[in-house]
Amino acid sequence: MGQFIQKTSFSEKDFLAFQDKLHQCLEALELVLERPGFGLGEPSIGAELELYLLDGEGRPVLENQAVQDTYDDPTLTLELNRYNLELNFTPLPGTGAPFTALQQQILDNLAGLNQKMDPWQGQVLPIGILPTLQERDFGPQVMTDLPRYRVLAEAVQQRRQSTGIRIEGQDSMNLVHDDVTLEGACTSFQIHYRPRGQDMVNLWNATQLVTPLMVGVSANSPLLLGHRLWHETRVPLFCQSIDGLNSQSEHPVPPPRVSFGQGWLRHSLIELFRETVQLYPPLIPILSDEDPLAVVAQGGVPKLEELRLHDGTIWSWNRPIYDPCNDPHLRIEMRVLPAGPSAADMAANAALFIGLAQGLSEDVEPLLSALPFSYARTNFYRAAQHGMGASIYWPNAHQNSLEERSLAAVLEQLLPVAEKGLIQVGVNKEEAQTWLSLISDRLQSGQTGASWQLQQYNRLVGNGHGNHEACLQLLKAYCHHSNANVPVAQWPDL
């Protein structure tokens, strides 16, 4: 989004012109998607990883600009808060051993960045929410000083209808705060999957269907400001920091900009782009000089900068991406995974996510009538709250009523489906089995990053450590295991 944003103030005329341009972009996109062969190509896998910058005492380091300058790599970008950075990895062919290559990309970049943290005797860390954060780590003073973040923060604050954060949990939290930097506490590992070109509708629906499973098995964000909350606290924190408490009402208007979605897809991915235009008012109305319909009429591929910018201000947990560059195509961005715990865990999560979505896509249609979308949304929030211990509704094409099962049991049953899906993509069988075995180990141990953090916190507090000291001690152990690239299923107690 940053490439589009330098202007920071807008008139009503700007918004009206931008709205008109969005509808032109939609029309142009629909024409492009109707072209025979558009987007067909070999499968590819990309990823983005958001990181915390820490000093030797486990405190955030507000120097993302300095680290970026010394790293001197355009794939490293600044995030909303000054103690966060984002790595954008080179897309990999989906065939062969992509997850082994992805793990190596992660390890190489973490090692390079850690060298740049020497002035602070610290490191970069992949973790969903840093447990040692304190209230002073939020506010305008920690926001990265870039035009795109200033204008985004102002736009979000103007439309929020309530302030504060309220999250139920073992230590329920009520926080009076109206600053968008709370969203910056949530760091993620985002997967970009471009399929070979099969039915994108079924692939999208399968991706949505398995997303709650991925939330539960990858959970890594249980602690915020010393409160034990959801296994994936990023979900309610992100929702409320962008949309406010009123977003939790039954039919908020406009709909929340952070959401699991509005329903199962019916005919084409164009429906998802229409939703973003027709349901959500623009926040940042910056116009390009492109006439998208004229570009299409001349046989070209339009950039659709307005549509892409607007889509970047709507934070769906899965998102379709229109990429007009080089080899134009559509892909799916899987945005729900937390950062961490280790490079191995993140590679395994990517393999499972893509394998499940691909493996279920051919037979997903009968499952959709067996699970109304509202129940899939319920699964999503249950998984975020309870992790692998969640109970969810899972569809069966031969059912006569809704069936409720444990999330872990469903995943165990679906591991062969994930292996089949990866092999369909072109992943080597040995590669698929290697990474899915890490998921199997996690299921057998019952241990995710979230459950491990909670176990260590409870043990330390039970042994007389104060809240802050418990968070610091578990963070030091987390850093040790993460840096050693030990899969979380193997992490011992303190």
Protein backbone atom coordinates (compact mmCIF):
# COMPACT_ATOMS: atom_id res chain seq x y z
CA MET A 1 0.00 0.00 0.00
CA GLY A 2 2.90 2.34 0.72
CA GLN A 3 3.82 2.88 -2.93
CA PHE A 4 0.54 4.76 -3.47
CA ILE A 5 0.48 7.05 -0.46
CA GLN A 6 2.15 10.42 -0.13
CA LYS A 7 -0.88 12.72 0.05
CA THR A 8 -2.38 12.92 3.55
CA SER A 9 -5.46 15.17 3.29
CA PHE A 10 -8.53 14.70 1.10
CA SER A 11 -11.69 16.50 0.07
CA GLU A 12 -15.20 15.20 -0.50
CA LYS A 13 -14.50 15.54 -4.21
CA ASP A 14 -11.55 13.16 -3.82
CA PHE A 15 -13.74 10.53 -2.20
CA LEU A 16 -16.47 10.77 -4.86
CA ALA A 17 -13.96 10.48 -7.69
CA PHE A 18 -12.30 7.53 -6.01
CA GLN A 19 -15.61 5.74 -5.58
CA ASP A 20 -16.36 6.13 -9.28
CA LYS A 21 -12.91 4.87 -10.18
CA LEU A 22 -13.37 1.77 -8.00
CA HIS A 23 -16.39 0.75 -10.06
CA GLN A 24 -14.41 1.27 -13.25
CA CYS A 25 -11.70 -0.97 -11.81
CA LEU A 26 -14.28 -3.65 -11.04
CA GLU A 27 -15.59 -3.58 -14.58
CA ALA A 28 -12.07 -3.77 -15.98
CA LEU A 29 -11.13 -6.65 -13.68
CA GLU A 30 -14.18 -8.63 -14.73
CA LEU A 31 -13.21 -8.23 -18.39
CA VAL A 32 -9.64 -9.32 -17.67
CA LEU A 33 -10.77 -12.40 -15.79
CA GLU A 34 -12.94 -13.41 -18.75
CA ARG A 35 -9.90 -13.64 -21.03
CA PRO A 36 -9.13 -17.26 -21.97
CA GLY A 37 -6.08 -18.49 -20.11
CA PHE A 38 -5.73 -15.50 -17.80
CA GLY A 39 -3.65 -16.43 -14.77
CA LEU A 40 -2.80 -19.94 -15.91
CA GLY A 41 0.71 -20.93 -14.91
CA GLU A 42 2.83 -23.02 -12.63
CA PRO A 43 1.94 -22.99 -8.92
CA SER A 44 3.98 -20.75 -6.66
CA ILE A 45 4.27 -20.06 -2.95
CA GLY A 46 5.29 -16.76 -1.35
CA ALA A 47 5.32 -15.49 2.20
CA GLU A 48 5.60 -12.41 4.40
CA LEU A 49 6.88 -12.53 7.96
CA GLU A 50 6.37 -9.77 10.52
CA LEU A 51 8.93 -9.54 13.31
CA TYR A 52 9.56 -7.85 16.64
CA LEU A 53 12.82 -6.01 17.36
CA LEU A 54 14.04 -6.80 20.90
CA ASP A 55 16.89 -5.65 23.09
CA GLY A 56 18.80 -7.93 25.46
CA GLU A 57 16.15 -7.46 28.16
CA GLY A 58 13.23 -8.54 26.02
CA ARG A 59 11.98 -4.99 25.48
CA PRO A 60 10.89 -3.57 22.12
CA VAL A 61 13.52 -1.61 20.18
CA LEU A 62 12.00 1.39 18.37
CA GLU A 63 14.55 1.41 15.56
CA ASN A 64 12.98 -0.32 12.56
CA GLN A 65 14.14 2.48 10.24
CA ALA A 66 17.76 2.14 11.38
CA VAL A 67 17.72 -1.65 11.00
CA GLN A 68 16.16 -1.38 7.54
CA ASP A 69 18.81 1.13 6.47
CA THR A 70 21.67 -1.11 7.55
CA TYR A 71 20.11 -4.28 6.10
CA ASP A 72 19.81 -2.58 2.70
CA ASP A 73 17.38 -5.05 1.14
CA PRO A 74 14.18 -3.91 -0.61
CA THR A 75 12.36 -7.05 0.57
CA LEU A 76 12.53 -5.70 4.16
CA THR A 77 9.77 -3.16 4.82
CA LEU A 78 8.67 -1.04 7.75
CA GLU A 79 5.58 -1.95 9.73
CA LEU A 80 3.09 0.25 11.60
CA ASN A 81 5.00 0.24 14.90
CA ARG A 82 8.64 1.24 15.16
CA TYR A 83 9.54 -2.08 16.81
CA ASN A 84 8.25 -4.19 13.90
CA LEU A 85 9.62 -5.10 10.47
CA GLU A 86 8.30 -7.27 7.64
CA LEU A 87 10.26 -9.68 5.45
CA ASN A 88 8.87 -10.33 1.98
CA PHE A 89 10.30 -13.58 0.65
CA THR A 90 11.02 -14.38 -2.98
CA PRO A 91 8.15 -16.50 -4.37
CA LEU A 92 9.08 -20.15 -4.82
CA PRO A 93 7.90 -22.75 -7.34
CA GLY A 94 5.18 -24.84 -5.72
CA THR A 95 6.70 -28.05 -7.07
CA GLY A 96 9.56 -30.05 -5.60
CA ALA A 97 10.60 -29.02 -2.09
CA PRO A 98 9.18 -25.49 -1.61
CA PHE A 99 8.77 -25.65 2.16
CA THR A 100 12.37 -26.70 2.74
CA ALA A 101 13.38 -23.73 0.59
CA LEU A 102 10.98 -21.46 2.49
CA GLN A 103 12.44 -22.55 5.82
CA GLN A 104 15.92 -21.71 4.51
CA GLN A 105 14.77 -18.27 3.35
CA ILE A 106 13.40 -17.59 6.83
CA LEU A 107 16.55 -18.82 8.60
CA ASP A 108 18.91 -16.88 6.33
CA ASN A 109 17.02 -13.62 6.77
CA LEU A 110 16.65 -14.01 10.53
CA ALA A 111 20.39 -14.64 10.82
CA GLY A 112 21.17 -11.57 8.71
CA LEU A 113 18.83 -9.35 10.68
CA ASN A 114 20.11 -10.60 14.03
CA GLN A 115 23.57 -9.36 13.05
CA LYS A 116 22.08 -5.90 12.60
CA MET A 117 20.69 -6.00 16.16
CA ASP A 118 24.16 -6.02 17.76
CA PRO A 119 24.00 -2.31 18.72
CA TRP A 120 21.07 -3.17 21.01
CA GLN A 121 22.46 -6.55 22.11
CA GLY A 122 19.18 -7.95 20.88
CA GLN A 123 17.50 -9.88 18.11
CA VAL A 124 14.49 -10.08 15.82
CA LEU A 125 11.79 -12.51 16.90
CA PRO A 126 8.81 -14.18 15.19
CA ILE A 127 6.01 -14.33 17.77
CA GLY A 128 2.30 -13.50 17.49
CA ILE A 129 2.21 -11.04 20.40
CA LEU A 130 5.24 -10.16 22.52
CA PRO A 131 4.39 -11.16 26.12
CA THR A 132 6.60 -8.44 27.64
CA LEU A 133 4.71 -5.55 26.03
CA GLN A 134 3.56 -2.82 28.39
CA GLU A 135 1.02 -0.04 27.95
CA ARG A 136 3.78 2.47 27.29
CA ASP A 137 4.63 0.47 24.15
CA PHE A 138 1.51 1.85 22.44
CA GLY A 139 0.61 5.33 21.33
CA PRO A 140 1.57 7.89 18.67
CA GLN A 141 5.18 7.89 19.83
CA VAL A 142 5.74 4.29 18.67
CA MET A 143 4.16 4.68 15.22
CA THR A 144 6.51 4.56 12.23
CA ASP A 145 6.78 8.06 10.77
CA LEU A 146 5.59 7.44 7.23
CA PRO A 147 2.72 9.17 5.38
CA ARG A 148 0.85 5.91 4.77
CA TYR A 149 0.68 5.13 8.48
CA ARG A 150 -0.27 8.66 9.51
CA VAL A 151 -3.14 8.83 7.03
CA LEU A 152 -4.26 5.28 7.81
CA ALA A 153 -4.23 5.92 11.57
CA GLU A 154 -6.27 9.09 11.16
CA ALA A 155 -8.79 7.42 8.86
CA VAL A 156 -9.27 4.43 11.18
CA GLN A 157 -9.64 6.60 14.27
CA GLN A 158 -12.24 8.80 12.59
CA ARG A 159 -14.50 5.89 11.69
CA ARG A 160 -14.21 3.90 14.94
CA GLN A 161 -17.43 4.31 16.87
CA SER A 162 -16.02 3.18 20.21
CA THR A 163 -12.72 3.19 22.03
CA GLY A 164 -11.11 0.58 24.17
CA ILE A 165 -10.36 -3.12 24.02
CA ARG A 166 -12.42 -5.78 25.79
CA ILE A 167 -11.27 -9.41 25.57
CA GLU A 168 -12.61 -12.21 27.71
CA GLY A 169 -10.21 -14.83 29.01
CA GLN A 170 -8.71 -16.28 32.16
CA ASP A 171 -7.61 -12.73 32.96
CA SER A 172 -10.24 -10.72 31.08
CA MET A 173 -8.96 -7.36 29.89
CA ASN A 174 -10.62 -3.99 29.59
CA LEU A 175 -8.27 -1.40 28.15
CA VAL A 176 -9.16 2.22 27.47
CA HIS A 177 -7.19 3.00 24.35
CA ASP A 178 -8.11 4.56 21.01
CA ASP A 179 -4.78 4.29 19.21
CA VAL A 180 -4.24 2.17 16.10
CA THR A 181 -0.80 1.06 17.33
CA LEU A 182 -2.54 -1.70 19.29
CA GLU A 183 -2.97 -3.38 15.92
CA GLY A 184 0.81 -3.28 15.57
CA ALA A 185 1.15 -5.74 18.44
CA CYS A 186 -0.18 -8.46 16.11
CA THR A 187 2.55 -9.99 13.95
CA SER A 188 1.77 -12.61 11.35
CA PHE A 189 3.16 -15.08 8.83
CA GLN A 190 1.21 -14.61 5.62
CA ILE A 191 1.17 -17.19 2.82
CA HIS A 192 0.58 -16.37 -0.85
CA TYR A 193 -0.57 -19.34 -2.90
CA ARG A 194 -0.96 -19.20 -6.63
CA PRO A 195 -2.52 -22.44 -7.90
CA ARG A 196 -1.88 -23.91 -11.31
CA GLY A 197 -5.19 -22.50 -12.50
CA GLN A 198 -7.96 -24.84 -11.43
CA ASP A 199 -11.36 -23.72 -10.14
CA MET A 200 -10.52 -20.81 -7.85
CA VAL A 201 -14.02 -20.80 -6.36
CA ASN A 202 -13.64 -24.27 -4.86
CA LEU A 203 -10.10 -23.48 -3.73
CA TRP A 204 -11.28 -20.30 -2.00
CA ASN A 205 -14.14 -22.07 -0.23
CA ALA A 206 -11.82 -24.88 0.86
CA THR A 207 -9.37 -22.27 2.18
CA GLN A 208 -12.13 -20.65 4.23
CA LEU A 209 -13.34 -24.03 5.48
CA VAL A 210 -9.92 -25.07 6.83
CA THR A 211 -8.89 -21.67 8.20
CA PRO A 212 -10.30 -22.41 11.71
CA LEU A 213 -8.21 -25.60 11.77
CA MET A 214 -5.12 -23.56 10.96
CA VAL A 215 -5.92 -21.00 13.66
CA GLY A 216 -6.13 -23.73 16.28
CA VAL A 217 -3.04 -25.71 15.32
CA SER A 218 -0.78 -22.66 14.83
CA ALA A 219 -1.94 -20.52 17.80
CA ASN A 220 0.90 -18.45 19.27
CA SER A 221 -0.59 -15.32 20.90
CA PRO A 222 -2.02 -16.07 24.37
CA LEU A 223 -0.61 -13.20 26.45
CA LEU A 224 -1.20 -9.46 26.22
CA LEU A 225 -0.08 -6.96 28.86
CA GLY A 226 0.16 -9.75 31.43
CA HIS A 227 -3.34 -11.09 30.71
CA ARG A 228 -4.04 -14.69 29.73
CA LEU A 229 -6.60 -14.27 26.98
CA TRP A 230 -7.32 -16.25 23.79
CA HIS A 231 -4.88 -18.77 22.34
CA GLU A 232 -4.87 -16.48 19.30
CA THR A 233 -5.43 -13.09 20.94
CA ARG A 234 -4.38 -11.45 17.68
CA VAL A 235 -7.88 -12.11 16.36
CA PRO A 236 -9.95 -10.04 18.84
CA LEU A 237 -7.17 -7.47 19.30
CA PHE A 238 -6.86 -6.79 15.58
CA CYS A 239 -10.63 -6.67 15.15
CA GLN A 240 -11.21 -4.23 17.98
CA SER A 241 -8.20 -2.01 17.31
CA ILE A 242 -9.48 -1.39 13.77
CA ASP A 243 -13.27 -1.63 14.13
CA GLY A 244 -13.93 -0.91 17.82
CA LEU A 245 -16.20 -2.78 20.19
CA ASN A 246 -19.31 -2.03 18.14
CA SER A 247 -18.03 -4.37 15.44
CA GLN A 248 -19.16 -7.25 17.63
CA SER A 249 -22.84 -6.37 17.28
CA GLU A 250 -25.03 -8.53 15.06
CA HIS A 251 -25.27 -6.25 12.01
CA PRO A 252 -22.84 -3.32 12.30
CA VAL A 253 -22.97 -0.72 9.54
CA PRO A 254 -20.63 -0.56 7.74
CA PRO A 255 -19.50 -4.16 8.23
CA PRO A 256 -16.22 -4.66 10.12
CA ARG A 257 -13.13 -4.12 7.99
CA VAL A 258 -11.48 -7.05 9.81
CA SER A 259 -13.57 -10.13 9.14
CA PHE A 260 -13.70 -13.81 8.31
CA GLY A 261 -15.92 -13.08 5.30
CA GLN A 262 -19.54 -12.69 4.29
CA GLY A 263 -20.40 -16.14 2.93
CA TRP A 264 -19.34 -19.01 0.70
CA LEU A 265 -18.23 -17.97 -2.75
CA ARG A 266 -20.67 -18.83 -5.54
CA HIS A 267 -19.38 -18.18 -9.06
CA SER A 268 -16.14 -16.19 -9.27
CA LEU A 269 -13.50 -14.42 -7.19
CA ILE A 270 -14.85 -11.18 -8.68
CA GLU A 271 -17.57 -11.44 -6.00
CA LEU A 272 -14.96 -10.80 -3.32
CA PHE A 273 -13.69 -7.68 -5.05
CA ARG A 274 -17.26 -6.46 -5.47
CA GLU A 275 -17.79 -6.86 -1.72
CA THR A 276 -14.82 -4.65 -0.91
CA VAL A 277 -16.16 -1.92 -3.18
CA GLN A 278 -19.87 -2.19 -2.42
CA LEU A 279 -19.72 -2.71 1.37
CA TYR A 280 -16.80 -0.59 2.57
CA PRO A 281 -16.41 3.18 2.20
CA PRO A 282 -12.93 4.25 1.04
CA LEU A 283 -10.43 5.45 3.64
CA ILE A 284 -7.62 6.75 1.43
CA PRO A 285 -8.90 8.14 -1.91
CA ILE A 286 -5.71 8.48 -3.95
CA LEU A 287 -6.32 8.50 -7.71
CA SER A 288 -3.98 7.24 -10.42
CA ASP A 289 -3.81 8.46 -14.02
CA GLU A 290 -4.77 5.07 -15.45
CA ASP A 291 -7.98 4.59 -17.42
CA PRO A 292 -8.46 0.86 -16.68
CA LEU A 293 -11.21 0.30 -19.24
CA ALA A 294 -9.11 1.91 -21.96
CA VAL A 295 -6.17 -0.32 -21.07
CA VAL A 296 -8.38 -3.41 -21.33
CA ALA A 297 -9.87 -2.25 -24.63
CA GLN A 298 -6.34 -2.02 -26.04
CA GLY A 299 -5.60 -5.59 -24.93
CA GLY A 300 -3.43 -4.59 -21.98
CA VAL A 301 -3.47 -5.58 -18.33
CA PRO A 302 -4.58 -2.70 -16.06
CA LYS A 303 -2.80 -1.99 -12.79
CA LEU A 304 -6.08 -1.20 -10.96
CA GLU A 305 -4.19 0.83 -8.36
CA GLU A 306 -7.35 2.20 -6.75
CA LEU A 307 -8.84 -1.25 -6.25
CA ARG A 308 -5.58 -2.64 -4.86
CA LEU A 309 -5.17 0.34 -2.53
CA HIS A 310 -8.75 0.06 -1.28
CA ASP A 311 -8.39 -3.69 -0.74
CA GLY A 312 -5.33 -2.96 1.40
CA THR A 313 -7.57 -1.09 3.87
CA ILE A 314 -9.85 -4.11 4.40
CA TRP A 315 -8.25 -6.82 6.48
CA SER A 316 -9.99 -10.09 5.65
CA TRP A 317 -8.29 -13.12 7.22
CA ASN A 318 -8.05 -14.57 3.71
CA ARG A 319 -7.80 -12.24 0.75
CA PRO A 320 -7.77 -12.53 -3.06
CA ILE A 321 -4.82 -10.75 -4.66
CA TYR A 322 -4.84 -9.34 -8.18
CA ASP A 323 -1.24 -9.11 -9.39
CA PRO A 324 -0.82 -7.26 -12.72
CA CYS A 325 2.98 -7.49 -12.81
CA ASN A 326 5.15 -9.73 -15.00
CA ASP A 327 2.91 -12.82 -15.14
CA PRO A 328 -0.55 -11.36 -14.29
CA HIS A 329 -2.69 -13.63 -12.13
CA LEU A 330 -4.95 -14.02 -9.11
CA ARG A 331 -3.73 -15.72 -5.95
CA ILE A 332 -4.95 -16.28 -2.41
CA GLU A 333 -3.29 -14.60 0.54
CA MET A 334 -3.73 -16.65 3.72
CA ARG A 335 -3.35 -13.98 6.39
CA VAL A 336 -4.37 -15.65 9.62
CA LEU A 337 -1.19 -17.46 10.73
CA PRO A 338 0.79 -15.91 13.58
CA ALA A 339 4.52 -15.37 13.34
CA GLY A 340 6.59 -18.14 14.93
CA PRO A 341 7.34 -20.10 16.96
CA SER A 342 10.23 -21.43 14.78
CA ALA A 343 11.10 -21.37 11.10
CA ALA A 344 10.32 -25.10 10.99
CA ASP A 345 6.88 -24.53 12.50
CA MET A 346 6.06 -21.79 10.00
CA ALA A 347 7.12 -23.94 7.05
CA ALA A 348 5.00 -26.80 8.40
CA ASN A 349 2.01 -24.46 8.86
CA ALA A 350 2.34 -23.30 5.25
CA ALA A 351 2.50 -26.88 4.01
CA LEU A 352 -0.58 -27.88 6.00
CA PHE A 353 -2.61 -24.84 4.94
CA ILE A 354 -1.91 -25.24 1.24
CA GLY A 355 -2.23 -29.03 1.38
CA LEU A 356 -5.59 -28.93 3.15
CA ALA A 357 -7.04 -26.26 0.86
CA GLN A 358 -5.83 -27.98 -2.28
CA GLY A 359 -6.73 -31.47 -1.07
CA LEU A 360 -10.30 -30.53 -0.16
CA SER A 361 -10.98 -28.24 -3.10
CA GLU A 362 -12.12 -30.93 -5.55
CA ASP A 363 -14.73 -32.31 -3.16
CA VAL A 364 -15.64 -29.21 -1.16
CA GLU A 365 -19.01 -28.44 -2.79
CA PRO A 366 -21.06 -31.12 -0.91
CA LEU A 367 -19.48 -29.94 2.35
CA LEU A 368 -20.70 -26.36 2.00
CA SER A 369 -24.38 -27.27 2.20
CA ALA A 370 -23.55 -29.32 5.31
CA LEU A 371 -21.99 -26.30 7.06
CA PRO A 372 -23.73 -22.92 6.80
CA PHE A 373 -21.19 -20.12 6.64
CA SER A 374 -22.24 -18.73 10.02
CA TYR A 375 -21.09 -21.99 11.63
CA ALA A 376 -17.75 -21.76 9.81
CA ARG A 377 -17.39 -18.28 11.31
CA THR A 378 -18.21 -19.75 14.74
CA ASN A 379 -15.47 -22.33 14.18
CA PHE A 380 -13.02 -19.51 13.44
CA TYR A 381 -13.62 -17.70 16.71
CA ARG A 382 -13.75 -20.89 18.77
CA ALA A 383 -10.37 -21.92 17.37
CA ALA A 384 -8.92 -18.49 18.12
CA GLN A 385 -10.20 -18.67 21.69
CA HIS A 386 -9.33 -22.27 22.58
CA GLY A 387 -6.62 -23.33 20.14
CA MET A 388 -6.25 -27.04 19.53
CA GLY A 389 -8.62 -27.67 22.42
CA ALA A 390 -11.53 -26.10 20.53
CA SER A 391 -14.71 -27.95 19.67
CA ILE A 392 -15.91 -27.14 16.16
CA TYR A 393 -18.65 -28.03 13.68
CA TRP A 394 -17.24 -30.12 10.86
CA PRO A 395 -19.25 -31.04 7.75
CA ASN A 396 -19.89 -34.53 6.44
CA ALA A 397 -21.53 -35.02 3.05
CA HIS A 398 -23.56 -37.93 4.52
CA GLN A 399 -24.69 -36.21 7.72
CA ASN A 400 -28.28 -35.76 8.87
CA SER A 401 -27.51 -33.04 11.39
CA LEU A 402 -24.63 -30.74 12.33
CA GLU A 403 -21.74 -32.63 13.93
CA GLU A 404 -19.52 -31.16 16.63
CA ARG A 405 -16.00 -32.57 16.97
CA SER A 406 -12.67 -31.71 18.50
CA LEU A 407 -10.47 -29.59 16.24
CA ALA A 408 -7.46 -31.84 16.88
CA ALA A 409 -9.39 -34.97 15.88
CA VAL A 410 -10.54 -33.37 12.63
CA LEU A 411 -6.99 -32.38 11.77
CA GLU A 412 -5.66 -35.84 12.55
CA GLN A 413 -8.21 -37.30 10.14
CA LEU A 414 -7.34 -34.79 7.42
CA LEU A 415 -3.56 -35.19 7.36
CA PRO A 416 -3.77 -37.71 4.46
CA VAL A 417 -5.94 -35.19 2.58
CA ALA A 418 -3.26 -32.54 3.09
CA GLU A 419 -0.60 -34.91 1.76
CA LYS A 420 -2.76 -35.65 -1.28
CA GLY A 421 -3.23 -31.93 -1.87
CA LEU A 422 0.49 -31.18 -1.72
CA ILE A 423 1.24 -33.96 -4.18
CA GLN A 424 -1.43 -32.51 -6.50
CA VAL A 425 0.43 -29.20 -6.39
CA GLY A 426 3.62 -31.01 -7.38
CA VAL A 427 5.35 -31.24 -4.01
CA ASN A 428 7.60 -34.27 -3.62
CA LYS A 429 6.04 -36.99 -1.47
CA GLU A 430 9.01 -37.05 0.91
CA GLU A 431 8.83 -33.27 1.27
CA ALA A 432 5.10 -33.40 2.03
CA GLN A 433 5.53 -36.15 4.61
CA THR A 434 8.46 -34.38 6.28
CA TRP A 435 6.52 -31.21 7.01
CA LEU A 436 3.20 -32.84 7.81
CA SER A 437 5.02 -35.06 10.33
CA LEU A 438 5.77 -31.90 12.32
CA ILE A 439 2.04 -31.19 12.42
CA SER A 440 1.38 -34.79 13.50
CA ASP A 441 3.92 -34.37 16.32
CA ARG A 442 2.14 -31.19 17.40
CA LEU A 443 -1.20 -32.98 17.46
CA GLN A 444 0.24 -35.87 19.45
CA SER A 445 1.93 -33.60 22.00
CA GLY A 446 -1.03 -31.23 22.19
CA GLN A 447 1.49 -28.38 22.27
CA THR A 448 1.32 -25.17 20.25
CA GLY A 449 3.20 -21.95 20.83
CA ALA A 450 0.18 -20.65 22.72
CA SER A 451 -0.24 -23.65 25.00
CA TRP A 452 3.51 -23.73 25.71
CA GLN A 453 3.52 -20.04 26.69
CA LEU A 454 0.50 -20.50 28.94
CA GLN A 455 2.00 -23.57 30.63
CA GLN A 456 5.26 -21.78 31.37
CA TYR A 457 3.52 -18.64 32.58
CA ASN A 458 1.28 -20.61 34.93
CA ARG A 459 4.21 -22.62 36.25
CA LEU A 460 6.35 -19.53 36.89
CA VAL A 461 3.55 -17.57 38.56
CA GLY A 462 2.70 -20.66 40.63
CA ASN A 463 6.31 -20.76 41.81
CA GLY A 464 6.12 -17.21 43.10
CA HIS A 465 7.35 -15.16 40.14
CA GLY A 466 5.61 -11.88 39.50
CA ASN A 467 3.72 -11.20 36.31
CA HIS A 468 6.50 -9.30 34.55
CA GLU A 469 9.22 -11.71 35.62
CA ALA A 470 7.18 -14.70 34.43
CA CYS A 471 6.71 -13.10 31.00
CA LEU A 472 10.41 -12.28 30.78
CA GLN A 473 11.56 -15.78 31.74
CA LEU A 474 9.25 -17.54 29.29
CA LEU A 475 10.30 -15.08 26.57
CA LYS A 476 13.99 -15.91 27.12
CA ALA A 477 13.22 -19.63 26.78
CA TYR A 478 11.05 -18.95 23.72
CA CYS A 479 13.91 -17.03 22.08
CA HIS A 480 16.33 -19.87 22.79
CA HIS A 481 14.14 -22.56 21.22
CA SER A 482 13.07 -20.36 18.31
CA ASN A 483 16.66 -19.37 17.48
CA ALA A 484 17.66 -23.06 17.55
CA ASN A 485 14.79 -23.80 15.11
CA VAL A 486 13.33 -26.48 17.36
CA PRO A 487 9.73 -27.40 16.39
CA VAL A 488 7.37 -26.29 19.16
CA ALA A 489 6.08 -29.82 19.77
CA GLN A 490 9.53 -30.58 21.20
CA TRP A 491 9.89 -27.57 23.50
CA PRO A 492 10.44 -28.64 27.12
CA ASP A 493 9.08 -27.02 30.25
CA LEU A 494 11.22 -24.48 32.04
